[in-house]
N, C-alpha and C. Protein backbone atom coordinates (compact mmCIF):
# COMPACT_ATOMS: atom_id res chain seq x y z
N MET A 1 22.66 93.10 -59.73
CA MET A 1 22.02 91.87 -59.19
C MET A 1 21.02 92.33 -59.71
N ALA A 2 19.51 91.13 -59.75
CA ALA A 2 18.39 90.62 -60.46
C ALA A 2 17.75 91.15 -59.00
N MET A 3 16.32 91.93 -59.35
CA MET A 3 15.31 93.06 -58.60
C MET A 3 14.42 92.28 -59.51
N ALA A 4 13.29 91.51 -58.19
CA ALA A 4 11.85 91.11 -58.74
C ALA A 4 10.70 92.16 -58.92
N PHE A 5 11.40 93.08 -58.30
CA PHE A 5 9.67 94.20 -57.88
C PHE A 5 10.26 95.68 -57.36
N LYS A 6 9.84 96.50 -58.19
CA LYS A 6 10.40 97.78 -57.08
C LYS A 6 9.21 98.34 -56.75
N MET A 7 8.83 99.18 -55.60
CA MET A 7 7.94 99.70 -54.49
C MET A 7 8.60 101.49 -55.09
N ALA A 8 7.03 101.29 -56.07
CA ALA A 8 7.15 103.07 -56.85
C ALA A 8 7.04 103.77 -55.58
N THR A 9 5.93 103.61 -54.00
CA THR A 9 5.59 104.59 -53.12
C THR A 9 6.91 104.80 -52.02
N THR A 10 8.05 103.76 -52.04
CA THR A 10 8.96 104.08 -51.10
C THR A 10 10.47 104.17 -51.84
N GLY A 11 10.31 103.94 -53.28
CA GLY A 11 11.34 103.49 -54.42
C GLY A 11 12.65 102.10 -53.70
N MET A 12 11.59 101.41 -52.53
CA MET A 12 11.96 100.11 -51.51
C MET A 12 12.25 98.63 -53.28
N TRP A 13 13.40 98.03 -53.33
CA TRP A 13 13.26 97.01 -53.62
C TRP A 13 13.38 95.44 -53.60
N VAL A 14 11.87 94.66 -53.66
CA VAL A 14 12.21 93.56 -53.50
C VAL A 14 12.89 92.52 -53.99
N THR A 15 13.84 91.79 -53.25
CA THR A 15 14.80 91.11 -53.61
C THR A 15 14.15 89.84 -54.26
N ASP A 16 14.94 89.14 -55.69
CA ASP A 16 13.85 87.64 -55.45
C ASP A 16 14.28 86.80 -54.75
N GLU A 17 15.12 86.75 -54.26
CA GLU A 17 15.46 85.54 -53.04
C GLU A 17 13.94 86.31 -51.80
N CYS A 18 13.27 86.75 -51.92
CA CYS A 18 12.33 87.26 -51.08
C CYS A 18 11.14 86.86 -51.63
N LYS A 19 10.83 86.62 -53.31
CA LYS A 19 9.86 85.94 -54.26
C LYS A 19 9.94 84.19 -53.58
N THR A 20 11.21 84.46 -54.01
CA THR A 20 11.73 83.13 -54.14
C THR A 20 11.62 82.10 -52.71
N SER A 21 12.13 82.66 -51.93
CA SER A 21 11.59 81.95 -50.45
C SER A 21 9.77 81.41 -50.10
N PHE A 22 9.38 82.79 -50.40
CA PHE A 22 8.17 83.11 -50.46
C PHE A 22 7.20 81.63 -51.24
N MET A 23 7.80 81.60 -52.47
CA MET A 23 7.26 80.28 -53.50
C MET A 23 7.46 78.80 -53.05
N GLU A 24 9.09 78.88 -52.49
CA GLU A 24 9.30 77.53 -51.81
C GLU A 24 8.10 77.50 -50.46
N MET A 25 8.29 78.04 -49.62
CA MET A 25 7.29 78.00 -48.57
C MET A 25 5.70 77.90 -48.96
N LYS A 26 5.49 78.20 -50.18
CA LYS A 26 3.25 77.88 -50.47
C LYS A 26 3.62 76.56 -50.78
N LEU A 27 4.75 76.88 -52.44
CA LEU A 27 4.51 74.93 -53.28
C LEU A 27 4.72 74.12 -52.56
N LYS A 28 6.17 74.56 -52.02
CA LYS A 28 7.17 73.13 -51.44
C LYS A 28 6.75 72.76 -50.04
N LYS A 29 6.85 73.91 -49.72
CA LYS A 29 6.44 73.62 -48.26
C LYS A 29 7.63 73.39 -47.06
N VAL A 30 8.70 74.08 -47.83
CA VAL A 30 10.01 73.79 -46.97
C VAL A 30 10.59 74.85 -46.01
N HIS A 31 9.74 76.37 -45.90
CA HIS A 31 9.94 76.45 -44.44
C HIS A 31 7.93 76.86 -44.41
N ARG A 32 7.87 77.41 -42.94
CA ARG A 32 7.22 77.34 -42.21
C ARG A 32 7.15 78.89 -42.20
N PHE A 33 7.57 79.38 -42.03
CA PHE A 33 8.11 81.27 -42.04
C PHE A 33 8.78 82.13 -42.90
N ILE A 34 8.86 83.59 -42.78
CA ILE A 34 10.01 84.23 -43.56
C ILE A 34 9.55 85.13 -42.57
N VAL A 35 10.64 85.90 -41.88
CA VAL A 35 11.06 87.90 -41.82
C VAL A 35 11.48 88.21 -42.72
N PHE A 36 10.69 89.00 -43.39
CA PHE A 36 11.63 90.34 -43.89
C PHE A 36 12.11 91.71 -43.36
N LYS A 37 13.01 92.05 -43.84
CA LYS A 37 13.46 93.76 -43.30
C LYS A 37 14.02 94.11 -44.52
N ILE A 38 13.53 95.68 -43.90
CA ILE A 38 14.24 96.85 -44.97
C ILE A 38 15.46 97.19 -45.07
N ASP A 39 16.34 96.67 -45.62
CA ASP A 39 18.16 97.85 -45.42
C ASP A 39 18.13 99.01 -46.17
N GLU A 40 18.34 99.53 -45.61
CA GLU A 40 17.85 101.49 -45.28
C GLU A 40 18.56 101.82 -46.19
N ALA A 41 19.78 102.09 -46.01
CA ALA A 41 20.88 101.65 -46.93
C ALA A 41 20.65 101.61 -48.86
N SER A 42 20.94 100.15 -48.84
CA SER A 42 21.06 99.46 -50.36
C SER A 42 19.62 99.75 -50.67
N ARG A 43 18.36 100.23 -49.93
CA ARG A 43 17.02 100.48 -50.43
C ARG A 43 16.37 99.36 -50.93
N LEU A 44 16.31 97.87 -50.64
CA LEU A 44 16.33 96.70 -50.78
C LEU A 44 15.43 95.82 -49.53
N VAL A 45 14.42 94.78 -49.97
CA VAL A 45 13.70 94.53 -48.97
C VAL A 45 14.40 92.84 -49.02
N THR A 46 15.18 92.37 -47.87
CA THR A 46 15.66 91.65 -47.96
C THR A 46 14.56 90.14 -47.17
N VAL A 47 15.68 88.60 -47.07
CA VAL A 47 15.10 87.80 -46.39
C VAL A 47 15.85 87.86 -45.07
N ASP A 48 15.76 87.62 -43.59
CA ASP A 48 15.83 88.13 -42.22
C ASP A 48 16.31 86.75 -41.52
N LYS A 49 14.87 86.44 -41.38
CA LYS A 49 15.37 84.73 -41.16
C LYS A 49 14.06 83.74 -41.61
N VAL A 50 14.42 82.58 -41.73
CA VAL A 50 13.98 81.83 -42.18
C VAL A 50 13.39 80.33 -41.69
N GLY A 51 12.32 79.97 -40.97
CA GLY A 51 12.46 78.90 -40.16
C GLY A 51 12.09 77.62 -41.40
N GLY A 52 12.36 76.52 -40.94
CA GLY A 52 12.06 75.50 -41.28
C GLY A 52 11.05 75.02 -40.72
N PRO A 53 10.67 73.41 -41.72
CA PRO A 53 8.89 72.88 -41.72
C PRO A 53 9.31 72.62 -40.46
N GLY A 54 10.05 72.27 -39.45
CA GLY A 54 9.79 71.59 -38.20
C GLY A 54 9.41 72.90 -37.13
N GLU A 55 9.60 73.78 -37.44
CA GLU A 55 9.38 75.25 -36.73
C GLU A 55 8.28 75.40 -36.73
N GLY A 56 7.82 75.85 -35.62
CA GLY A 56 6.02 76.80 -35.68
C GLY A 56 6.35 77.73 -35.54
N TYR A 57 4.33 78.43 -34.56
CA TYR A 57 4.63 79.60 -34.50
C TYR A 57 5.01 80.28 -33.89
N ASP A 58 5.79 79.52 -32.08
CA ASP A 58 6.61 80.36 -31.23
C ASP A 58 7.76 81.19 -31.94
N GLU A 59 8.77 80.17 -33.31
CA GLU A 59 10.25 80.35 -32.82
C GLU A 59 9.89 82.26 -33.80
N LEU A 60 8.41 82.30 -34.83
CA LEU A 60 8.17 83.18 -35.35
C LEU A 60 8.46 84.38 -34.39
N ALA A 61 7.45 83.95 -33.37
CA ALA A 61 7.23 85.35 -32.70
C ALA A 61 8.64 85.68 -31.92
N THR A 62 8.92 84.49 -31.55
CA THR A 62 10.74 84.70 -30.99
C THR A 62 11.51 85.79 -31.87
N SER A 63 11.58 85.46 -33.30
CA SER A 63 12.13 85.92 -34.08
C SER A 63 11.89 87.56 -34.57
N LEU A 64 11.01 88.10 -34.54
CA LEU A 64 10.27 89.79 -34.63
C LEU A 64 11.39 90.48 -33.17
N PRO A 65 12.15 91.05 -33.64
CA PRO A 65 12.43 92.40 -32.55
C PRO A 65 11.51 93.37 -31.79
N PRO A 66 11.83 93.13 -30.60
CA PRO A 66 11.34 94.36 -29.60
C PRO A 66 10.96 95.20 -29.47
N ASP A 67 12.54 95.94 -30.85
CA ASP A 67 12.55 97.17 -31.23
C ASP A 67 13.00 97.72 -32.91
N ASP A 68 12.33 96.88 -33.32
CA ASP A 68 12.20 96.91 -34.62
C ASP A 68 11.22 96.65 -35.38
N CYS A 69 11.10 96.83 -36.87
CA CYS A 69 9.69 96.61 -37.56
C CYS A 69 10.33 95.67 -38.85
N ARG A 70 9.39 94.79 -38.61
CA ARG A 70 9.86 93.74 -39.69
C ARG A 70 8.31 93.07 -40.55
N TYR A 71 8.91 92.79 -41.81
CA TYR A 71 7.33 91.85 -42.05
C TYR A 71 7.63 90.89 -42.12
N ALA A 72 6.29 89.37 -41.79
CA ALA A 72 6.37 88.19 -41.56
C ALA A 72 5.67 87.62 -42.54
N VAL A 73 5.34 86.18 -43.49
CA VAL A 73 5.00 85.23 -43.93
C VAL A 73 5.01 84.44 -42.90
N PHE A 74 3.60 84.07 -42.48
CA PHE A 74 3.33 82.03 -41.73
C PHE A 74 2.41 81.30 -41.90
N ASP A 75 3.39 80.19 -42.97
CA ASP A 75 2.57 79.45 -43.49
C ASP A 75 1.09 78.42 -42.28
N PHE A 76 0.08 78.81 -41.83
CA PHE A 76 -0.35 77.95 -40.50
C PHE A 76 -1.50 76.88 -41.37
N ASP A 77 -1.39 75.34 -40.81
CA ASP A 77 -2.02 74.28 -41.01
C ASP A 77 -2.62 73.92 -40.44
N PHE A 78 -3.76 73.76 -40.62
CA PHE A 78 -4.85 73.57 -39.97
C PHE A 78 -6.11 72.67 -40.21
N VAL A 79 -6.87 72.11 -39.51
CA VAL A 79 -7.90 71.01 -39.75
C VAL A 79 -9.69 71.25 -39.32
N THR A 80 -10.01 71.55 -40.70
CA THR A 80 -11.39 72.16 -40.23
C THR A 80 -11.86 71.68 -38.93
N THR A 81 -13.55 71.71 -38.87
CA THR A 81 -14.44 71.00 -38.31
C THR A 81 -15.19 69.93 -39.27
N ASP A 82 -14.62 70.22 -41.05
CA ASP A 82 -15.23 68.93 -41.38
C ASP A 82 -14.16 67.69 -41.86
N ASN A 83 -13.16 67.87 -40.75
CA ASN A 83 -11.97 66.96 -40.91
C ASN A 83 -11.00 67.36 -41.87
N CYS A 84 -11.40 68.15 -42.73
CA CYS A 84 -9.98 68.60 -43.80
C CYS A 84 -8.49 69.24 -43.64
N LYS A 85 -8.11 69.41 -44.09
CA LYS A 85 -6.79 70.11 -43.79
C LYS A 85 -6.62 70.91 -44.57
N LYS A 86 -6.04 71.93 -44.20
CA LYS A 86 -5.85 73.39 -44.98
C LYS A 86 -4.93 73.57 -44.09
N SER A 87 -4.51 74.90 -45.23
CA SER A 87 -3.18 75.57 -44.69
C SER A 87 -3.11 77.17 -45.73
N LYS A 88 -3.36 77.78 -44.11
CA LYS A 88 -3.58 80.10 -45.11
C LYS A 88 -1.92 80.00 -44.56
N ILE A 89 -1.87 80.94 -45.27
CA ILE A 89 -0.91 82.11 -45.71
C ILE A 89 -0.99 83.65 -44.88
N PHE A 90 -0.49 83.89 -43.90
CA PHE A 90 -0.55 85.16 -43.17
C PHE A 90 -0.10 85.84 -43.59
N PHE A 91 -0.10 87.30 -43.31
CA PHE A 91 1.20 88.16 -43.78
C PHE A 91 1.17 89.28 -42.23
N ILE A 92 2.33 89.15 -42.07
CA ILE A 92 2.18 90.00 -40.50
C ILE A 92 3.07 91.73 -41.14
N ALA A 93 2.10 91.91 -40.39
CA ALA A 93 3.39 93.84 -40.61
C ALA A 93 3.90 94.22 -39.07
N TRP A 94 4.80 93.79 -38.35
CA TRP A 94 5.01 94.27 -37.07
C TRP A 94 5.88 95.55 -36.88
N SER A 95 4.97 95.86 -36.11
CA SER A 95 5.77 97.14 -36.07
C SER A 95 5.31 97.82 -34.38
N PRO A 96 6.53 97.35 -33.81
CA PRO A 96 6.23 97.58 -32.03
C PRO A 96 6.29 98.81 -31.55
N SER A 97 5.50 99.13 -30.59
CA SER A 97 5.80 100.99 -30.12
C SER A 97 7.10 100.86 -29.57
N ALA A 98 8.08 99.93 -30.02
CA ALA A 98 9.74 100.84 -29.19
C ALA A 98 10.48 101.33 -30.25
N SER A 99 10.03 101.16 -31.47
CA SER A 99 10.81 101.26 -32.85
C SER A 99 10.90 102.92 -33.37
N ARG A 100 11.62 103.00 -34.14
CA ARG A 100 11.25 104.05 -33.82
C ARG A 100 9.91 104.89 -34.85
N ILE A 101 9.96 105.66 -34.77
CA ILE A 101 8.52 106.50 -35.69
C ILE A 101 9.12 107.13 -37.12
N ARG A 102 10.53 107.50 -37.72
CA ARG A 102 11.43 106.81 -39.35
C ARG A 102 10.70 105.45 -39.84
N GLU A 103 11.33 104.68 -38.81
CA GLU A 103 11.30 103.31 -39.45
C GLU A 103 9.55 102.88 -39.43
N LYS A 104 8.97 103.25 -38.97
CA LYS A 104 7.46 102.78 -38.61
C LYS A 104 6.79 103.35 -39.81
N MET A 105 6.67 104.49 -40.23
CA MET A 105 6.76 104.89 -41.06
C MET A 105 6.47 104.37 -42.82
N LEU A 106 8.39 104.42 -42.83
CA LEU A 106 8.89 103.61 -43.68
C LEU A 106 7.81 101.94 -44.24
N TYR A 107 7.84 101.50 -43.31
CA TYR A 107 7.54 99.89 -43.43
C TYR A 107 5.47 100.05 -43.63
N ALA A 108 5.53 101.18 -43.13
CA ALA A 108 3.81 100.95 -43.48
C ALA A 108 3.59 101.62 -44.91
N THR A 109 4.60 102.32 -45.96
CA THR A 109 4.52 102.80 -46.72
C THR A 109 4.77 101.64 -47.78
N SER A 110 5.60 100.67 -47.18
CA SER A 110 6.31 99.41 -48.59
C SER A 110 5.53 98.51 -48.16
N LYS A 111 4.40 98.18 -47.45
CA LYS A 111 4.17 97.40 -46.76
C LYS A 111 3.48 96.48 -48.08
N GLU A 112 2.82 97.66 -49.17
CA GLU A 112 1.43 96.84 -50.34
C GLU A 112 2.40 96.47 -50.78
N GLY A 113 3.56 96.95 -51.31
CA GLY A 113 4.03 96.67 -52.63
C GLY A 113 4.86 95.20 -52.54
N LEU A 114 5.27 95.01 -51.00
CA LEU A 114 5.78 93.58 -50.93
C LEU A 114 4.42 92.60 -50.48
N ARG A 115 3.34 92.92 -50.54
CA ARG A 115 2.73 92.34 -49.98
C ARG A 115 1.97 92.27 -51.36
N ARG A 116 1.76 93.22 -52.42
CA ARG A 116 1.17 92.61 -53.54
C ARG A 116 2.61 91.30 -54.57
N ALA A 117 3.62 91.68 -54.41
CA ALA A 117 4.87 90.80 -54.55
C ALA A 117 5.03 89.20 -53.85
N LEU A 118 4.25 89.32 -53.28
CA LEU A 118 4.38 87.91 -52.55
C LEU A 118 3.12 87.44 -52.96
N GLU A 119 2.72 86.70 -54.35
CA GLU A 119 1.22 86.35 -54.48
C GLU A 119 0.54 84.85 -53.32
N GLY A 120 -0.44 85.16 -53.36
CA GLY A 120 -0.63 83.95 -52.29
C GLY A 120 -1.09 84.15 -51.37
N ILE A 121 -1.25 85.53 -50.28
CA ILE A 121 -1.83 85.54 -49.19
C ILE A 121 -2.95 85.88 -48.93
N HIS A 122 -3.34 84.97 -48.32
CA HIS A 122 -4.62 85.07 -47.40
C HIS A 122 -5.54 86.19 -46.42
N TYR A 123 -4.17 85.78 -45.74
CA TYR A 123 -5.09 87.34 -44.59
C TYR A 123 -3.90 88.45 -44.07
N ASP A 124 -4.21 89.16 -43.97
CA ASP A 124 -2.94 90.35 -43.77
C ASP A 124 -3.69 90.60 -42.07
N MET A 125 -2.53 90.77 -41.27
CA MET A 125 -2.30 91.11 -39.57
C MET A 125 -1.86 92.62 -39.73
N GLN A 126 -1.89 93.34 -38.98
CA GLN A 126 -0.69 94.66 -38.50
C GLN A 126 -0.73 94.09 -37.12
N ALA A 127 0.70 94.29 -36.39
CA ALA A 127 0.67 94.20 -35.02
C ALA A 127 1.59 95.11 -34.81
N THR A 128 1.49 95.90 -33.25
CA THR A 128 2.75 96.39 -32.45
C THR A 128 2.81 95.76 -31.08
N ASP A 129 2.12 94.75 -30.76
CA ASP A 129 2.84 93.83 -29.84
C ASP A 129 2.37 92.29 -29.79
N PRO A 130 2.56 91.20 -29.04
CA PRO A 130 2.80 90.27 -29.59
C PRO A 130 1.05 89.48 -29.12
N THR A 131 0.67 89.87 -28.18
CA THR A 131 -1.07 89.92 -28.65
C THR A 131 -1.65 89.80 -29.44
N GLU A 132 -1.41 90.96 -30.14
CA GLU A 132 -1.69 91.57 -31.50
C GLU A 132 -1.91 90.25 -32.47
N MET A 133 -1.18 89.29 -32.75
CA MET A 133 -0.86 88.14 -33.59
C MET A 133 -0.92 86.59 -32.85
N GLY A 134 -1.45 86.65 -31.84
CA GLY A 134 -1.07 85.62 -31.62
C GLY A 134 -1.96 84.15 -31.87
N MET A 135 -1.37 82.92 -31.59
CA MET A 135 -2.05 81.67 -31.99
C MET A 135 -3.68 82.36 -31.73
N ASP A 136 -3.97 82.33 -30.79
CA ASP A 136 -5.05 81.76 -31.06
C ASP A 136 -5.95 83.33 -32.26
N VAL A 137 -5.61 84.70 -32.49
CA VAL A 137 -6.45 85.69 -32.99
C VAL A 137 -5.62 84.88 -34.52
N ILE A 138 -4.31 84.20 -34.69
CA ILE A 138 -4.24 83.61 -36.26
C ILE A 138 -4.81 82.04 -36.30
N LYS A 139 -6.20 81.56 -35.72
CA LYS A 139 -7.06 80.63 -35.54
C LYS A 139 -7.95 80.84 -36.09
N ASP A 140 -8.56 82.10 -35.11
CA ASP A 140 -9.75 82.04 -35.28
C ASP A 140 -10.34 83.12 -36.75
N ARG A 141 -8.41 83.31 -36.65
CA ARG A 141 -9.00 84.30 -38.65
C ARG A 141 -9.19 82.82 -40.20
N ALA A 142 -8.62 82.00 -39.17
CA ALA A 142 -8.25 81.39 -40.55
C ALA A 142 -9.33 80.29 -40.67
N LYS A 143 -10.62 80.70 -39.38
CA LYS A 143 -12.14 79.59 -39.56
C LYS A 143 -12.82 79.48 -40.85
C-alpha cells in the first residue's frame, strides 16, 4: 500500500486517497467537502466521506459525528463586494465535547501533519460544537 506522508509526531500515515481526493476538490472541483478520520488500529488517516459538487455546508455539518473527532476540508465559493467569484478552502478540526479524551489528543497531535500534506488550504478552524464552524463564521473569515 502506497503511503503519501508520515506524521512524525504521532506515527500516523496519510493515505494517498486523502491527497488525491483533496487535489480533485481543489483543482477539478469534483468535491465540495471531504471528511477524514483516523483509524487507530492501522495508524492511517483515511477519507471518511466525500461530498459531491452539488452538496453544501449543511451536508458537511451533518457528516460530522456528535461524539467522534474528525478533520474536514470545505471548498467555500463566494462573490466579493467587487463582484468577483472566489473560492477558499477551509480546514476544520472537529473535536466535540462528547468525544473521548484520548481521541481528542490523538487528533490534536496529528492535525498539523495532515494539514501539511494537503497543500492549498486557506483557513484553519477548530470546532467543538456546530456554532463554532457555522456558515456565518466561514463567511466572516473568507472576506
